[in-house]
């Protein structure tokens, strides 16, 4: 019983878990952004902004 209680109190590996979760969330967010940017409406909007900035 003491062993289980000690294991629950220890947080070794917690940082690694947090880094893994943040990495997965960042990858999911990047995938979402790529899907949004590939849509035709957003692409035209971005091209219009770029054209007005350089044109």
PDB file of N, CA and C in Angstrom:
ATOM      1  N   UNK A   1       0.819  -1.195   0.000  1.00  0.00           N
ATOM      2  CA  UNK A   1       0.000   0.000   0.000  1.00  0.00           C
ATOM      3  C   UNK A   1       0.860   1.256   0.000  1.00  0.00           C
ATOM      4  N   UNK A   2       1.953   1.224   0.747  1.00  0.00           N
ATOM      5  CA  UNK A   2       2.841   2.391   0.796  1.00  0.00           C
ATOM      6  C   UNK A   2       3.478   2.644  -0.564  1.00  0.00           C
ATOM      7  N   UNK A   3       3.769   1.558  -1.244  1.00  0.00           N
ATOM      8  CA  UNK A   3       4.396   1.702  -2.564  1.00  0.00           C
ATOM      9  C   UNK A   3       3.459   2.430  -3.528  1.00  0.00           C
ATOM     10  N   UNK A   4       2.196   2.075  -3.521  1.00  0.00           N
ATOM     11  CA  UNK A   4       1.223   2.723  -4.409  1.00  0.00           C
ATOM     12  C   UNK A   4       1.061   4.189  -4.037  1.00  0.00           C
ATOM     13  N   UNK A   5       0.989   4.477  -2.747  1.00  0.00           N
ATOM     14  CA  UNK A   5       0.857   5.864  -2.298  1.00  0.00           C
ATOM     15  C   UNK A   5       2.075   6.682  -2.705  1.00  0.00           C
ATOM     16  N   UNK A   6       3.254   6.089  -2.586  1.00  0.00           N
ATOM     17  CA  UNK A   6       4.481   6.797  -2.985  1.00  0.00           C
ATOM     18  C   UNK A   6       4.487   7.049  -4.488  1.00  0.00           C
ATOM     19  N   UNK A   7       4.036   6.063  -5.257  1.00  0.00           N
ATOM     20  CA  UNK A   7       4.006   6.228  -6.709  1.00  0.00           C
ATOM     21  C   UNK A   7       3.026   7.325  -7.125  1.00  0.00           C
ATOM     22  N   UNK A   8       1.932   7.449  -6.409  1.00  0.00           N
ATOM     23  CA  UNK A   8       0.956   8.479  -6.737  1.00  0.00           C
ATOM     24  C   UNK A   8       1.464   9.870  -6.376  1.00  0.00           C
ATOM     25  N   UNK A   9       2.302   9.965  -5.359  1.00  0.00           N
ATOM     26  CA  UNK A   9       2.840  11.266  -4.953  1.00  0.00           C
ATOM     27  C   UNK A   9       3.975  11.727  -5.865  1.00  0.00           C
ATOM     28  N   UNK A  10       4.737  10.789  -6.375  1.00  0.00           N
ATOM     29  CA  UNK A  10       5.863  11.148  -7.228  1.00  0.00           C
ATOM     30  C   UNK A  10       5.350  11.633  -8.578  1.00  0.00           C
ATOM     31  N   UNK A  11       6.018  12.633  -9.109  1.00  0.00           N
ATOM     32  CA  UNK A  11       5.606  13.135 -10.412  1.00  0.00           C
ATOM     33  C   UNK A  11       6.747  13.046 -11.420  1.00  0.00           C
ATOM     34  N   UNK A  12       7.565  12.015 -11.273  1.00  0.00           N
ATOM     35  CA  UNK A  12       8.609  11.764 -12.273  1.00  0.00           C
ATOM     36  C   UNK A  12       7.951  11.452 -13.605  1.00  0.00           C
ATOM     37  N   UNK A  13       8.446  12.044 -14.653  1.00  0.00           N
ATOM     38  CA  UNK A  13       7.895  11.827 -15.980  1.00  0.00           C
ATOM     39  C   UNK A  13       6.741  12.760 -16.318  1.00  0.00           C
ATOM     40  N   UNK A  14       6.334  13.579 -15.382  1.00  0.00           N
ATOM     41  CA  UNK A  14       5.214  14.478 -15.638  1.00  0.00           C
ATOM     42  C   UNK A  14       5.570  15.495 -16.715  1.00  0.00           C
ATOM     43  N   UNK A  15       6.779  16.021 -16.677  1.00  0.00           N
ATOM     44  CA  UNK A  15       7.187  17.002 -17.687  1.00  0.00           C
ATOM     45  C   UNK A  15       7.181  16.363 -19.078  1.00  0.00           C
ATOM     46  N   UNK A  16       7.632  15.130 -19.162  1.00  0.00           N
ATOM     47  CA  UNK A  16       7.647  14.441 -20.449  1.00  0.00           C
ATOM     48  C   UNK A  16       6.230  14.281 -20.989  1.00  0.00           C
ATOM     49  N   UNK A  17       5.306  13.949 -20.121  1.00  0.00           N
ATOM     50  CA  UNK A  17       3.912  13.810 -20.533  1.00  0.00           C
ATOM     51  C   UNK A  17       3.360  15.144 -21.009  1.00  0.00           C
ATOM     52  N   UNK A  18       3.680  16.196 -20.289  1.00  0.00           N
ATOM     53  CA  UNK A  18       3.205  17.524 -20.682  1.00  0.00           C
ATOM     54  C   UNK A  18       3.777  17.928 -22.039  1.00  0.00           C
ATOM     55  N   UNK A  19       5.061  17.672 -22.255  1.00  0.00           N
ATOM     56  CA  UNK A  19       5.673  17.993 -23.546  1.00  0.00           C
ATOM     57  C   UNK A  19       5.004  17.197 -24.661  1.00  0.00           C
ATOM     58  N   UNK A  20       4.710  15.935 -24.409  1.00  0.00           N
ATOM     59  CA  UNK A  20       4.070  15.103 -25.427  1.00  0.00           C
ATOM     60  C   UNK A  20       2.678  15.641 -25.759  1.00  0.00           C
ATOM     61  N   UNK A  21       1.927  16.018 -24.747  1.00  0.00           N
ATOM     62  CA  UNK A  21       0.583  16.553 -24.997  1.00  0.00           C
ATOM     63  C   UNK A  21       0.638  17.867 -25.762  1.00  0.00           C
ATOM     64  N   UNK A  22       1.577  18.728 -25.410  1.00  0.00           N
ATOM     65  CA  UNK A  22       1.709  20.003 -26.113  1.00  0.00           C
ATOM     66  C   UNK A  22       2.131  19.769 -27.555  1.00  0.00           C
ATOM     67  N   UNK A  23       3.005  18.812 -27.783  1.00  0.00           N
ATOM     68  CA  UNK A  23       3.443  18.500 -29.144  1.00  0.00           C
ATOM     69  C   UNK A  23       2.275  17.982 -29.983  1.00  0.00           C
ATOM     70  N   UNK A  24       1.467  17.106 -29.423  1.00  0.00           N
ATOM     71  CA  UNK A  24       0.307  16.585 -30.143  1.00  0.00           C
ATOM     72  C   UNK A  24      -0.690  17.715 -30.440  1.00  0.00           C
ATOM     73  N   UNK A  25      -0.906  18.591 -29.453  1.00  0.00           N
ATOM     74  CA  UNK A  25      -1.831  19.709 -29.657  1.00  0.00           C
ATOM     75  C   UNK A  25      -1.314  20.660 -30.732  1.00  0.00           C
ATOM     76  N   UNK A  26      -0.007  20.916 -30.730  1.00  0.00           N
ATOM     77  CA  UNK A  26       0.576  21.801 -31.740  1.00  0.00           C
ATOM     78  C   UNK A  26       0.454  21.185 -33.136  1.00  0.00           C
ATOM     79  N   UNK A  27       0.666  19.888 -33.232  1.00  0.00           N
ATOM     80  CA  UNK A  27       0.532  19.221 -34.532  1.00  0.00           C
ATOM     81  C   UNK A  27      -0.915  19.269 -35.021  1.00  0.00           C
ATOM     82  N   UNK A  28      -1.854  19.076 -34.114  1.00  0.00           N
ATOM     83  CA  UNK A  28      -3.269  19.150 -34.500  1.00  0.00           C
ATOM     84  C   UNK A  28      -3.635  20.563 -34.940  1.00  0.00           C
ATOM     85  N   UNK A  29      -3.150  21.556 -34.238  1.00  0.00           N
ATOM     86  CA  UNK A  29      -3.418  22.949 -34.597  1.00  0.00           C
ATOM     87  C   UNK A  29      -2.805  23.280 -35.958  1.00  0.00           C
ATOM     88  N   UNK A  30      -1.590  22.801 -36.201  1.00  0.00           N
ATOM     89  CA  UNK A  30      -0.940  23.030 -37.491  1.00  0.00           C
ATOM     90  C   UNK A  30      -1.739  22.373 -38.617  1.00  0.00           C
ATOM     91  N   UNK A  31      -2.242  21.172 -38.372  1.00  0.00           N
ATOM     92  CA  UNK A  31      -3.066  20.501 -39.372  1.00  0.00           C
ATOM     93  C   UNK A  31      -4.340  21.273 -39.670  1.00  0.00           C
ATOM     94  N   UNK A  32      -4.938  21.814 -38.623  1.00  0.00           N
ATOM     95  CA  UNK A  32      -6.137  22.626 -38.805  1.00  0.00           C
ATOM     96  C   UNK A  32      -5.835  23.880 -39.618  1.00  0.00           C
ATOM     97  N   UNK A  33      -4.729  24.543 -39.315  1.00  0.00           N
ATOM     98  CA  UNK A  33      -4.344  25.740 -40.070  1.00  0.00           C
ATOM     99  C   UNK A  33      -4.088  25.414 -41.533  1.00  0.00           C
ATOM    100  N   UNK A  34      -3.436  24.291 -41.782  1.00  0.00           N
ATOM    101  CA  UNK A  34      -3.164  23.898 -43.169  1.00  0.00           C
ATOM    102  C   UNK A  34      -4.473  23.654 -43.912  1.00  0.00           C
ATOM    103  N   UNK A  35      -5.415  22.994 -43.252  1.00  0.00           N
ATOM    104  CA  UNK A  35      -6.713  22.742 -43.887  1.00  0.00           C
ATOM    105  C   UNK A  35      -7.440  24.040 -44.183  1.00  0.00           C
ATOM    106  N   UNK A  36      -7.363  25.003 -43.273  1.00  0.00           N
ATOM    107  CA  UNK A  36      -8.032  26.293 -43.481  1.00  0.00           C
ATOM    108  C   UNK A  36      -7.371  27.071 -44.606  1.00  0.00           C
ATOM    109  N   UNK A  37      -6.048  27.098 -44.619  1.00  0.00           N
ATOM    110  CA  UNK A  37      -5.323  27.869 -45.631  1.00  0.00           C
ATOM    111  C   UNK A  37      -5.526  27.280 -47.021  1.00  0.00           C
ATOM    112  N   UNK A  38      -5.709  25.982 -47.112  1.00  0.00           N
ATOM    113  CA  UNK A  38      -5.907  25.347 -48.416  1.00  0.00           C
ATOM    114  C   UNK A  38      -7.285  25.606 -49.009  1.00  0.00           C
ATOM    115  N   UNK A  39      -8.201  26.131 -48.217  1.00  0.00           N
ATOM    116  CA  UNK A  39      -9.528  26.413 -48.765  1.00  0.00           C
ATOM    117  C   UNK A  39      -9.429  27.587 -49.734  1.00  0.00           C
ATOM    118  N   UNK A  40     -10.263  27.568 -50.747  1.00  0.00           N
ATOM    119  CA  UNK A  40     -10.198  28.563 -51.802  1.00  0.00           C
ATOM    120  C   UNK A  40     -10.456  29.983 -51.325  1.00  0.00           C
ATOM    121  N   UNK A  41     -11.427  30.163 -50.450  1.00  0.00           N
ATOM    122  CA  UNK A  41     -11.764  31.508 -49.979  1.00  0.00           C
ATOM    123  C   UNK A  41     -10.620  32.139 -49.200  1.00  0.00           C
ATOM    124  N   UNK A  42     -10.028  31.360 -48.320  1.00  0.00           N
ATOM    125  CA  UNK A  42      -8.923  31.893 -47.512  1.00  0.00           C
ATOM    126  C   UNK A  42      -7.714  32.174 -48.388  1.00  0.00           C
ATOM    127  N   UNK A  43      -7.471  31.305 -49.347  1.00  0.00           N
ATOM    128  CA  UNK A  43      -6.340  31.512 -50.253  1.00  0.00           C
ATOM    129  C   UNK A  43      -6.497  32.825 -51.027  1.00  0.00           C
ATOM    130  N   UNK A  44      -7.687  33.072 -51.543  1.00  0.00           N
ATOM    131  CA  UNK A  44      -7.942  34.324 -52.270  1.00  0.00           C
ATOM    132  C   UNK A  44      -7.809  35.537 -51.361  1.00  0.00           C
ATOM    133  N   UNK A  45      -8.279  35.415 -50.135  1.00  0.00           N
ATOM    134  CA  UNK A  45      -8.154  36.507 -49.170  1.00  0.00           C
ATOM    135  C   UNK A  45      -6.685  36.822 -48.887  1.00  0.00           C
ATOM    136  N   UNK A  46      -5.899  35.780 -48.657  1.00  0.00           N
ATOM    137  CA  UNK A  46      -4.471  35.991 -48.392  1.00  0.00           C
ATOM    138  C   UNK A  46      -3.754  36.569 -49.607  1.00  0.00           C
ATOM    139  N   UNK A  47      -4.072  36.079 -50.784  1.00  0.00           N
ATOM    140  CA  UNK A  47      -3.459  36.617 -51.995  1.00  0.00           C
ATOM    141  C   UNK A  47      -3.839  38.077 -52.189  1.00  0.00           C
ATOM    142  N   UNK A  48      -5.084  38.440 -51.880  1.00  0.00           N
ATOM    143  CA  UNK A  48      -5.501  39.844 -51.968  1.00  0.00           C
ATOM    144  C   UNK A  48      -4.731  40.735 -51.008  1.00  0.00           C
ATOM    145  N   UNK A  49      -4.493  40.243 -49.808  1.00  0.00           N
ATOM    146  CA  UNK A  49      -3.709  41.018 -48.840  1.00  0.00           C
ATOM    147  C   UNK A  49      -2.283  41.187 -49.333  1.00  0.00           C
ATOM    148  N   UNK A  50      -1.701  40.127 -49.852  1.00  0.00           N
ATOM    149  CA  UNK A  50      -0.316  40.201 -50.349  1.00  0.00           C
ATOM    150  C   UNK A  50      -0.230  41.132 -51.555  1.00  0.00           C
ATOM    151  N   UNK A  51      -1.189  41.026 -52.461  1.00  0.00           N
ATOM    152  CA  UNK A  51      -1.177  41.882 -53.644  1.00  0.00           C
ATOM    153  C   UNK A  51      -1.303  43.364 -53.249  1.00  0.00           C
ATOM    154  N   UNK A  52      -2.176  43.664 -52.310  1.00  0.00           N
ATOM    155  CA  UNK A  52      -2.327  45.064 -51.889  1.00  0.00           C
ATOM    156  C   UNK A  52      -1.104  45.558 -51.131  1.00  0.00           C
ATOM    157  N   UNK A  53      -0.403  44.679 -50.464  1.00  0.00           N
ATOM    158  CA  UNK A  53       0.797  45.107 -49.731  1.00  0.00           C
ATOM    159  C   UNK A  53       1.947  45.384 -50.688  1.00  0.00           C
ATOM    160  N   UNK A  54       2.070  44.620 -51.759  1.00  0.00           N
ATOM    161  CA  UNK A  54       3.179  44.780 -52.683  1.00  0.00           C
ATOM    162  C   UNK A  54       2.785  45.547 -53.951  1.00  0.00           C
ATOM    163  N   UNK A  55       1.525  45.787 -54.137  1.00  0.00           N
ATOM    164  CA  UNK A  55       1.096  46.350 -55.401  1.00  0.00           C
ATOM    165  C   UNK A  55       0.736  47.774 -55.277  1.00  0.00           C
TER     166      UNK A  55
END
